[in-house]
Amino acid sequence: INKDLTLKGSDPTKVIIEGGVTISGNVTLENVTVEAA
């Protein structure tokens, strides 16, 4: 995420990002799960 953005889900149990997140902007993560091995 290299832009100033908000990523917003409805509920962290319902919106899952399977992978890593690299941030280089002004960013909000809201109501999500970030999960990866």
All heavy atoms as atom14 arrays in JSON, in Angstrom:
{
  "sequence": "INKDLTLKGSDPTKVIIEGGVTISGNVTLENVTVEAA",
  "atom14_mask": [
    [1, 1, 1, 1, 1, 1, 1, 1, 0, 0, 0, 0, 0, 0],
    [1, 1, 1, 1, 1, 1, 1, 1, 0, 0, 0, 0, 0, 0],
    [1, 1, 1, 1, 1, 1, 1, 1, 1, 0, 0, 0, 0, 0],
    [1, 1, 1, 1, 1, 1, 1, 1, 0, 0, 0, 0, 0, 0],
    [1, 1, 1, 1, 1, 1, 1, 1, 0, 0, 0, 0, 0, 0],
    [1, 1, 1, 1, 1, 1, 1, 0, 0, 0, 0, 0, 0, 0],
    [1, 1, 1, 1, 1, 1, 1, 1, 0, 0, 0, 0, 0, 0],
    [1, 1, 1, 1, 1, 1, 1, 1, 1, 0, 0, 0, 0, 0],
    [1, 1, 1, 1, 0, 0, 0, 0, 0, 0, 0, 0, 0, 0],
    [1, 1, 1, 1, 1, 1, 0, 0, 0, 0, 0, 0, 0, 0],
    [1, 1, 1, 1, 1, 1, 1, 1, 0, 0, 0, 0, 0, 0],
    [1, 1, 1, 1, 1, 1, 1, 0, 0, 0, 0, 0, 0, 0],
    [1, 1, 1, 1, 1, 1, 1, 0, 0, 0, 0, 0, 0, 0],
    [1, 1, 1, 1, 1, 1, 1, 1, 1, 0, 0, 0, 0, 0],
    [1, 1, 1, 1, 1, 1, 1, 0, 0, 0, 0, 0, 0, 0],
    [1, 1, 1, 1, 1, 1, 1, 1, 0, 0, 0, 0, 0, 0],
    [1, 1, 1, 1, 1, 1, 1, 1, 0, 0, 0, 0, 0, 0],
    [1, 1, 1, 1, 1, 1, 1, 1, 1, 0, 0, 0, 0, 0],
    [1, 1, 1, 1, 0, 0, 0, 0, 0, 0, 0, 0, 0, 0],
    [1, 1, 1, 1, 0, 0, 0, 0, 0, 0, 0, 0, 0, 0],
    [1, 1, 1, 1, 1, 1, 1, 0, 0, 0, 0, 0, 0, 0],
    [1, 1, 1, 1, 1, 1, 1, 0, 0, 0, 0, 0, 0, 0],
    [1, 1, 1, 1, 1, 1, 1, 1, 0, 0, 0, 0, 0, 0],
    [1, 1, 1, 1, 1, 1, 0, 0, 0, 0, 0, 0, 0, 0],
    [1, 1, 1, 1, 0, 0, 0, 0, 0, 0, 0, 0, 0, 0],
    [1, 1, 1, 1, 1, 1, 1, 1, 0, 0, 0, 0, 0, 0],
    [1, 1, 1, 1, 1, 1, 1, 0, 0, 0, 0, 0, 0, 0],
    [1, 1, 1, 1, 1, 1, 1, 0, 0, 0, 0, 0, 0, 0],
    [1, 1, 1, 1, 1, 1, 1, 1, 0, 0, 0, 0, 0, 0],
    [1, 1, 1, 1, 1, 1, 1, 1, 1, 0, 0, 0, 0, 0],
    [1, 1, 1, 1, 1, 1, 1, 1, 0, 0, 0, 0, 0, 0],
    [1, 1, 1, 1, 1, 1, 1, 0, 0, 0, 0, 0, 0, 0],
    [1, 1, 1, 1, 1, 1, 1, 0, 0, 0, 0, 0, 0, 0],
    [1, 1, 1, 1, 1, 1, 1, 0, 0, 0, 0, 0, 0, 0],
    [1, 1, 1, 1, 1, 1, 1, 1, 1, 0, 0, 0, 0, 0],
    [1, 1, 1, 1, 1, 0, 0, 0, 0, 0, 0, 0, 0, 0],
    [1, 1, 1, 1, 1, 0, 0, 0, 0, 0, 0, 0, 0, 0]
  ],
  "atom14_positions": [
    [[0.87, -1.18, 0.0], [0.0, 0.0, 0.0], [0.9, 1.22, 0.0], [1.46, 1.6, 1.02], [-0.94, 0.01, 1.22], [-1.69, -1.31, 1.34], [-1.91, 1.18, 1.13], [-2.55, -1.44, 2.59], [0.0, 0.0, 0.0], [0.0, 0.0, 0.0], [0.0, 0.0, 0.0], [0.0, 0.0, 0.0], [0.0, 0.0, 0.0], [0.0, 0.0, 0.0]],
    [[1.05, 1.85, -1.16], [1.95, 3.0, -1.31], [1.17, 4.28, -1.59], [1.71, 5.24, -2.13], [2.97, 2.74, -2.41], [2.31, 2.33, -3.72], [1.08, 2.36, -3.84], [3.11, 1.93, -4.69], [0.0, 0.0, 0.0], [0.0, 0.0, 0.0], [0.0, 0.0, 0.0], [0.0, 0.0, 0.0], [0.0, 0.0, 0.0], [0.0, 0.0, 0.0]],
    [[-0.11, 4.26, -1.22], [-0.96, 5.46, -1.31], [-1.63, 5.68, 0.04], [-1.7, 4.76, 0.86], [-2.03, 5.27, -2.39], [-1.5, 5.05, -3.8], [-2.64, 4.8, -4.78], [-2.13, 4.54, -6.18], [-3.23, 4.27, -7.15], [0.0, 0.0, 0.0], [0.0, 0.0, 0.0], [0.0, 0.0, 0.0], [0.0, 0.0, 0.0], [0.0, 0.0, 0.0]],
    [[-2.13, 6.88, 0.25], [-2.83, 7.19, 1.5], [-4.26, 6.67, 1.4], [-5.13, 7.33, 0.81], [-2.82, 8.7, 1.75], [-1.42, 9.26, 1.92], [-0.48, 8.46, 2.09], [-1.27, 10.49, 1.87], [0.0, 0.0, 0.0], [0.0, 0.0, 0.0], [0.0, 0.0, 0.0], [0.0, 0.0, 0.0], [0.0, 0.0, 0.0], [0.0, 0.0, 0.0]],
    [[-4.5, 5.49, 1.96], [-5.78, 4.81, 1.77], [-6.3, 4.23, 3.08], [-5.54, 4.02, 4.03], [-5.62, 3.65, 0.76], [-5.18, 4.0, -0.66], [-4.9, 2.72, -1.44], [-6.24, 4.84, -1.37], [0.0, 0.0, 0.0], [0.0, 0.0, 0.0], [0.0, 0.0, 0.0], [0.0, 0.0, 0.0], [0.0, 0.0, 0.0], [0.0, 0.0, 0.0]],
    [[-7.6, 3.94, 3.08], [-8.23, 3.16, 4.14], [-8.74, 1.86, 3.56], [-9.43, 1.87, 2.53], [-9.41, 3.93, 4.77], [-8.91, 5.09, 5.44], [-10.15, 3.07, 5.78], [0.0, 0.0, 0.0], [0.0, 0.0, 0.0], [0.0, 0.0, 0.0], [0.0, 0.0, 0.0], [0.0, 0.0, 0.0], [0.0, 0.0, 0.0], [0.0, 0.0, 0.0]],
    [[-8.38, 0.73, 4.17], [-8.94, -0.57, 3.82], [-9.88, -0.97, 4.94], [-9.45, -1.17, 6.08], [-7.84, -1.62, 3.63], [-7.19, -1.72, 2.24], [-6.49, -0.41, 1.89], [-6.22, -2.89, 2.18], [0.0, 0.0, 0.0], [0.0, 0.0, 0.0], [0.0, 0.0, 0.0], [0.0, 0.0, 0.0], [0.0, 0.0, 0.0], [0.0, 0.0, 0.0]],
    [[-11.17, -1.07, 4.62], [-12.19, -1.24, 5.65], [-13.08, -2.43, 5.34], [-13.64, -2.54, 4.27], [-13.04, 0.03, 5.75], [-14.06, 0.02, 6.86], [-14.78, 1.36, 6.93], [-15.79, 1.4, 8.06], [-16.47, 2.72, 8.14], [0.0, 0.0, 0.0], [0.0, 0.0, 0.0], [0.0, 0.0, 0.0], [0.0, 0.0, 0.0], [0.0, 0.0, 0.0]],
    [[-13.19, -3.34, 6.31], [-14.1, -4.47, 6.18], [-15.32, -4.27, 7.07], [-15.46, -3.25, 7.74], [0.0, 0.0, 0.0], [0.0, 0.0, 0.0], [0.0, 0.0, 0.0], [0.0, 0.0, 0.0], [0.0, 0.0, 0.0], [0.0, 0.0, 0.0], [0.0, 0.0, 0.0], [0.0, 0.0, 0.0], [0.0, 0.0, 0.0], [0.0, 0.0, 0.0]],
    [[-16.19, -5.29, 7.08], [-17.38, -5.23, 7.93], [-17.1, -5.76, 9.32], [-17.69, -5.3, 10.31], [-18.51, -6.03, 7.29], [-18.14, -7.41, 7.2], [0.0, 0.0, 0.0], [0.0, 0.0, 0.0], [0.0, 0.0, 0.0], [0.0, 0.0, 0.0], [0.0, 0.0, 0.0], [0.0, 0.0, 0.0], [0.0, 0.0, 0.0], [0.0, 0.0, 0.0]],
    [[-16.19, -6.77, 9.39], [-15.91, -7.45, 10.64], [-14.63, -8.25, 10.46], [-14.46, -8.9, 9.42], [-17.07, -8.4, 11.0], [-16.91, -9.04, 12.35], [-16.03, -9.92, 12.49], [-17.66, -8.7, 13.27], [0.0, 0.0, 0.0], [0.0, 0.0, 0.0], [0.0, 0.0, 0.0], [0.0, 0.0, 0.0], [0.0, 0.0, 0.0], [0.0, 0.0, 0.0]],
    [[-13.7, -8.22, 11.42], [-12.43, -8.94, 11.22], [-12.57, -10.45, 11.1], [-11.67, -11.11, 10.6], [-11.6, -8.55, 12.45], [-12.59, -8.1, 13.45], [-13.72, -7.49, 12.69], [0.0, 0.0, 0.0], [0.0, 0.0, 0.0], [0.0, 0.0, 0.0], [0.0, 0.0, 0.0], [0.0, 0.0, 0.0], [0.0, 0.0, 0.0], [0.0, 0.0, 0.0]],
    [[-13.69, -11.0, 11.56], [-13.91, -12.45, 11.4], [-14.44, -12.79, 10.01], [-14.48, -13.95, 9.63], [-14.88, -12.98, 12.46], [-16.18, -12.4, 12.26], [-14.39, -12.67, 13.86], [0.0, 0.0, 0.0], [0.0, 0.0, 0.0], [0.0, 0.0, 0.0], [0.0, 0.0, 0.0], [0.0, 0.0, 0.0], [0.0, 0.0, 0.0], [0.0, 0.0, 0.0]],
    [[-14.86, -11.77, 9.27], [-15.47, -11.99, 7.95], [-14.62, -11.52, 6.79], [-14.85, -11.9, 5.65], [-16.84, -11.3, 7.89], [-17.85, -11.84, 8.88], [-19.16, -11.08, 8.79], [-20.19, -11.61, 9.8], [-21.46, -10.84, 9.73], [0.0, 0.0, 0.0], [0.0, 0.0, 0.0], [0.0, 0.0, 0.0], [0.0, 0.0, 0.0], [0.0, 0.0, 0.0]],
    [[-13.65, -10.67, 7.07], [-12.78, -10.13, 6.01], [-11.34, -10.48, 6.38], [-10.79, -9.97, 7.35], [-12.94, -8.61, 5.87], [-12.0, -8.08, 4.79], [-14.39, -8.25, 5.54], [0.0, 0.0, 0.0], [0.0, 0.0, 0.0], [0.0, 0.0, 0.0], [0.0, 0.0, 0.0], [0.0, 0.0, 0.0], [0.0, 0.0, 0.0], [0.0, 0.0, 0.0]],
    [[-10.74, -11.38, 5.6], [-9.42, -11.92, 5.93], [-8.46, -11.69, 4.75], [-8.77, -12.06, 3.61], [-9.49, -13.43, 6.24], [-10.41, -13.65, 7.45], [-8.1, -13.99, 6.52], [-10.74, -15.1, 7.71], [0.0, 0.0, 0.0], [0.0, 0.0, 0.0], [0.0, 0.0, 0.0], [0.0, 0.0, 0.0], [0.0, 0.0, 0.0], [0.0, 0.0, 0.0]],
    [[-7.33, -11.08, 5.05], [-6.26, -10.93, 4.07], [-5.2, -11.98, 4.4], [-4.57, -11.92, 5.45], [-5.65, -9.52, 4.13], [-6.71, -8.46, 3.8], [-4.46, -9.4, 3.17], [-6.26, -7.04, 4.06], [0.0, 0.0, 0.0], [0.0, 0.0, 0.0], [0.0, 0.0, 0.0], [0.0, 0.0, 0.0], [0.0, 0.0, 0.0], [0.0, 0.0, 0.0]],
    [[-5.05, -12.96, 3.52], [-4.04, -14.0, 3.72], [-2.77, -13.6, 2.99], [-2.59, -13.89, 1.81], [-4.56, -15.35, 3.22], [-5.58, -16.0, 4.14], [-5.82, -17.46, 3.81], [-5.35, -17.93, 2.75], [-6.48, -18.15, 4.61], [0.0, 0.0, 0.0], [0.0, 0.0, 0.0], [0.0, 0.0, 0.0], [0.0, 0.0, 0.0], [0.0, 0.0, 0.0]],
    [[-1.9, -12.91, 3.71], [-0.65, -12.44, 3.13], [-0.11, -11.29, 3.94], [-0.78, -10.79, 4.86], [0.0, 0.0, 0.0], [0.0, 0.0, 0.0], [0.0, 0.0, 0.0], [0.0, 0.0, 0.0], [0.0, 0.0, 0.0], [0.0, 0.0, 0.0], [0.0, 0.0, 0.0], [0.0, 0.0, 0.0], [0.0, 0.0, 0.0], [0.0, 0.0, 0.0]],
    [[1.09, -10.89, 3.62], [1.7, -9.77, 4.33], [1.28, -8.45, 3.72], [0.92, -8.36, 2.54], [0.0, 0.0, 0.0], [0.0, 0.0, 0.0], [0.0, 0.0, 0.0], [0.0, 0.0, 0.0], [0.0, 0.0, 0.0], [0.0, 0.0, 0.0], [0.0, 0.0, 0.0], [0.0, 0.0, 0.0], [0.0, 0.0, 0.0], [0.0, 0.0, 0.0]],
    [[1.31, -7.4, 4.54], [0.94, -6.06, 4.09], [2.1, -5.11, 4.35], [2.53, -4.95, 5.5], [-0.32, -5.55, 4.83], [-0.68, -4.15, 4.36], [-1.5, -6.5, 4.62], [0.0, 0.0, 0.0], [0.0, 0.0, 0.0], [0.0, 0.0, 0.0], [0.0, 0.0, 0.0], [0.0, 0.0, 0.0], [0.0, 0.0, 0.0], [0.0, 0.0, 0.0]],
    [[2.63, -4.51, 3.28], [3.69, -3.52, 3.4], [3.09, -2.14, 3.17], [2.43, -1.91, 2.16], [4.81, -3.78, 2.38], [5.37, -5.08, 2.62], [5.91, -2.74, 2.49], [0.0, 0.0, 0.0], [0.0, 0.0, 0.0], [0.0, 0.0, 0.0], [0.0, 0.0, 0.0], [0.0, 0.0, 0.0], [0.0, 0.0, 0.0], [0.0, 0.0, 0.0]],
    [[3.35, -1.23, 4.11], [2.71, 0.09, 4.09], [3.77, 1.16, 3.93], [4.75, 1.21, 4.68], [1.92, 0.32, 5.39], [0.73, -0.65, 5.47], [1.45, 1.77, 5.5], [0.01, -0.62, 6.8], [0.0, 0.0, 0.0], [0.0, 0.0, 0.0], [0.0, 0.0, 0.0], [0.0, 0.0, 0.0], [0.0, 0.0, 0.0], [0.0, 0.0, 0.0]],
    [[3.58, 2.05, 2.96], [4.47, 3.2, 2.81], [3.66, 4.46, 2.54], [4.06, 5.32, 1.77], [5.49, 2.96, 1.69], [4.83, 2.71, 0.47], [0.0, 0.0, 0.0], [0.0, 0.0, 0.0], [0.0, 0.0, 0.0], [0.0, 0.0, 0.0], [0.0, 0.0, 0.0], [0.0, 0.0, 0.0], [0.0, 0.0, 0.0], [0.0, 0.0, 0.0]],
    [[2.51, 4.55, 3.18], [1.67, 5.74, 3.07], [0.96, 5.97, 4.39], [1.2, 5.28, 5.38], [0.0, 0.0, 0.0], [0.0, 0.0, 0.0], [0.0, 0.0, 0.0], [0.0, 0.0, 0.0], [0.0, 0.0, 0.0], [0.0, 0.0, 0.0], [0.0, 0.0, 0.0], [0.0, 0.0, 0.0], [0.0, 0.0, 0.0], [0.0, 0.0, 0.0]],
    [[0.08, 6.96, 4.42], [-0.81, 7.16, 5.56], [-1.99, 6.22, 5.38], [-2.83, 6.44, 4.5], [-1.27, 8.62, 5.62], [-0.13, 9.57, 5.85], [0.62, 9.45, 6.81], [0.04, 10.53, 4.96], [0.0, 0.0, 0.0], [0.0, 0.0, 0.0], [0.0, 0.0, 0.0], [0.0, 0.0, 0.0], [0.0, 0.0, 0.0], [0.0, 0.0, 0.0]],
    [[-2.04, 5.19, 6.18], [-2.96, 4.07, 5.91], [-3.75, 3.71, 7.16], [-3.22, 3.73, 8.28], [-2.17, 2.84, 5.41], [-3.07, 1.6, 5.34], [-1.57, 3.12, 4.04], [0.0, 0.0, 0.0], [0.0, 0.0, 0.0], [0.0, 0.0, 0.0], [0.0, 0.0, 0.0], [0.0, 0.0, 0.0], [0.0, 0.0, 0.0], [0.0, 0.0, 0.0]],
    [[-5.03, 3.37, 6.95], [-5.86, 2.82, 8.01], [-6.33, 1.43, 7.6], [-6.85, 1.24, 6.5], [-7.09, 3.71, 8.28], [-6.65, 4.96, 8.8], [-8.03, 3.06, 9.28], [0.0, 0.0, 0.0], [0.0, 0.0, 0.0], [0.0, 0.0, 0.0], [0.0, 0.0, 0.0], [0.0, 0.0, 0.0], [0.0, 0.0, 0.0], [0.0, 0.0, 0.0]],
    [[-6.11, 0.45, 8.48], [-6.71, -0.88, 8.34], [-7.8, -0.97, 9.4], [-7.53, -0.77, 10.59], [-5.68, -1.98, 8.55], [-4.47, -2.02, 7.6], [-3.55, -3.18, 7.98], [-4.91, -2.14, 6.15], [0.0, 0.0, 0.0], [0.0, 0.0, 0.0], [0.0, 0.0, 0.0], [0.0, 0.0, 0.0], [0.0, 0.0, 0.0], [0.0, 0.0, 0.0]],
    [[-9.02, -1.29, 8.98], [-10.15, -1.3, 9.91], [-11.04, -2.52, 9.67], [-11.42, -2.8, 8.53], [-10.96, -0.01, 9.76], [-12.1, 0.13, 10.74], [-12.8, 1.47, 10.65], [-12.31, 2.36, 9.92], [-13.85, 1.63, 11.3], [0.0, 0.0, 0.0], [0.0, 0.0, 0.0], [0.0, 0.0, 0.0], [0.0, 0.0, 0.0], [0.0, 0.0, 0.0]],
    [[-11.35, -3.23, 10.73], [-12.29, -4.36, 10.68], [-11.81, -5.47, 9.74], [-12.61, -6.04, 8.98], [-13.69, -3.9, 10.24], [-14.29, -2.87, 11.16], [-13.96, -2.82, 12.35], [-15.17, -2.04, 10.63], [0.0, 0.0, 0.0], [0.0, 0.0, 0.0], [0.0, 0.0, 0.0], [0.0, 0.0, 0.0], [0.0, 0.0, 0.0], [0.0, 0.0, 0.0]],
    [[-10.5, -5.79, 9.76], [-9.98, -6.86, 8.92], [-9.05, -7.75, 9.74], [-8.53, -7.34, 10.79], [-9.22, -6.32, 7.68], [-10.13, -5.46, 6.82], [-7.97, -5.57, 8.08], [0.0, 0.0, 0.0], [0.0, 0.0, 0.0], [0.0, 0.0, 0.0], [0.0, 0.0, 0.0], [0.0, 0.0, 0.0], [0.0, 0.0, 0.0], [0.0, 0.0, 0.0]],
    [[-8.82, -8.96, 9.25], [-7.78, -9.85, 9.78], [-6.67, -9.95, 8.76], [-6.93, -10.13, 7.56], [-8.35, -11.24, 10.07], [-9.2, -11.18, 11.22], [-7.24, -12.25, 10.37], [0.0, 0.0, 0.0], [0.0, 0.0, 0.0], [0.0, 0.0, 0.0], [0.0, 0.0, 0.0], [0.0, 0.0, 0.0], [0.0, 0.0, 0.0], [0.0, 0.0, 0.0]],
    [[-5.43, -9.81, 9.22], [-4.25, -10.07, 8.38], [-3.6, -11.32, 8.95], [-3.17, -11.34, 10.11], [-3.27, -8.89, 8.39], [-2.04, -9.22, 7.56], [-3.94, -7.62, 7.87], [0.0, 0.0, 0.0], [0.0, 0.0, 0.0], [0.0, 0.0, 0.0], [0.0, 0.0, 0.0], [0.0, 0.0, 0.0], [0.0, 0.0, 0.0], [0.0, 0.0, 0.0]],
    [[-3.53, -12.36, 8.14], [-3.08, -13.66, 8.63], [-2.2, -14.34, 7.59], [-2.55, -14.39, 6.41], [-4.3, -14.54, 8.93], [-3.97, -15.89, 9.53], [-5.24, -16.66, 9.86], [-5.91, -17.12, 8.91], [-5.55, -16.81, 11.05], [0.0, 0.0, 0.0], [0.0, 0.0, 0.0], [0.0, 0.0, 0.0], [0.0, 0.0, 0.0], [0.0, 0.0, 0.0]],
    [[-1.04, -14.83, 8.02], [-0.15, -15.51, 7.09], [0.86, -16.33, 7.86], [1.19, -16.02, 9.01], [0.57, -14.51, 6.18], [0.0, 0.0, 0.0], [0.0, 0.0, 0.0], [0.0, 0.0, 0.0], [0.0, 0.0, 0.0], [0.0, 0.0, 0.0], [0.0, 0.0, 0.0], [0.0, 0.0, 0.0], [0.0, 0.0, 0.0], [0.0, 0.0, 0.0]],
    [[1.37, -17.38, 7.24], [2.44, -18.18, 7.82], [3.76, -17.74, 7.18], [4.39, -18.47, 6.42], [2.19, -19.66, 7.58], [0.0, 0.0, 0.0], [0.0, 0.0, 0.0], [0.0, 0.0, 0.0], [0.0, 0.0, 0.0], [0.0, 0.0, 0.0], [0.0, 0.0, 0.0], [0.0, 0.0, 0.0], [0.0, 0.0, 0.0], [0.0, 0.0, 0.0]]
  ]
}
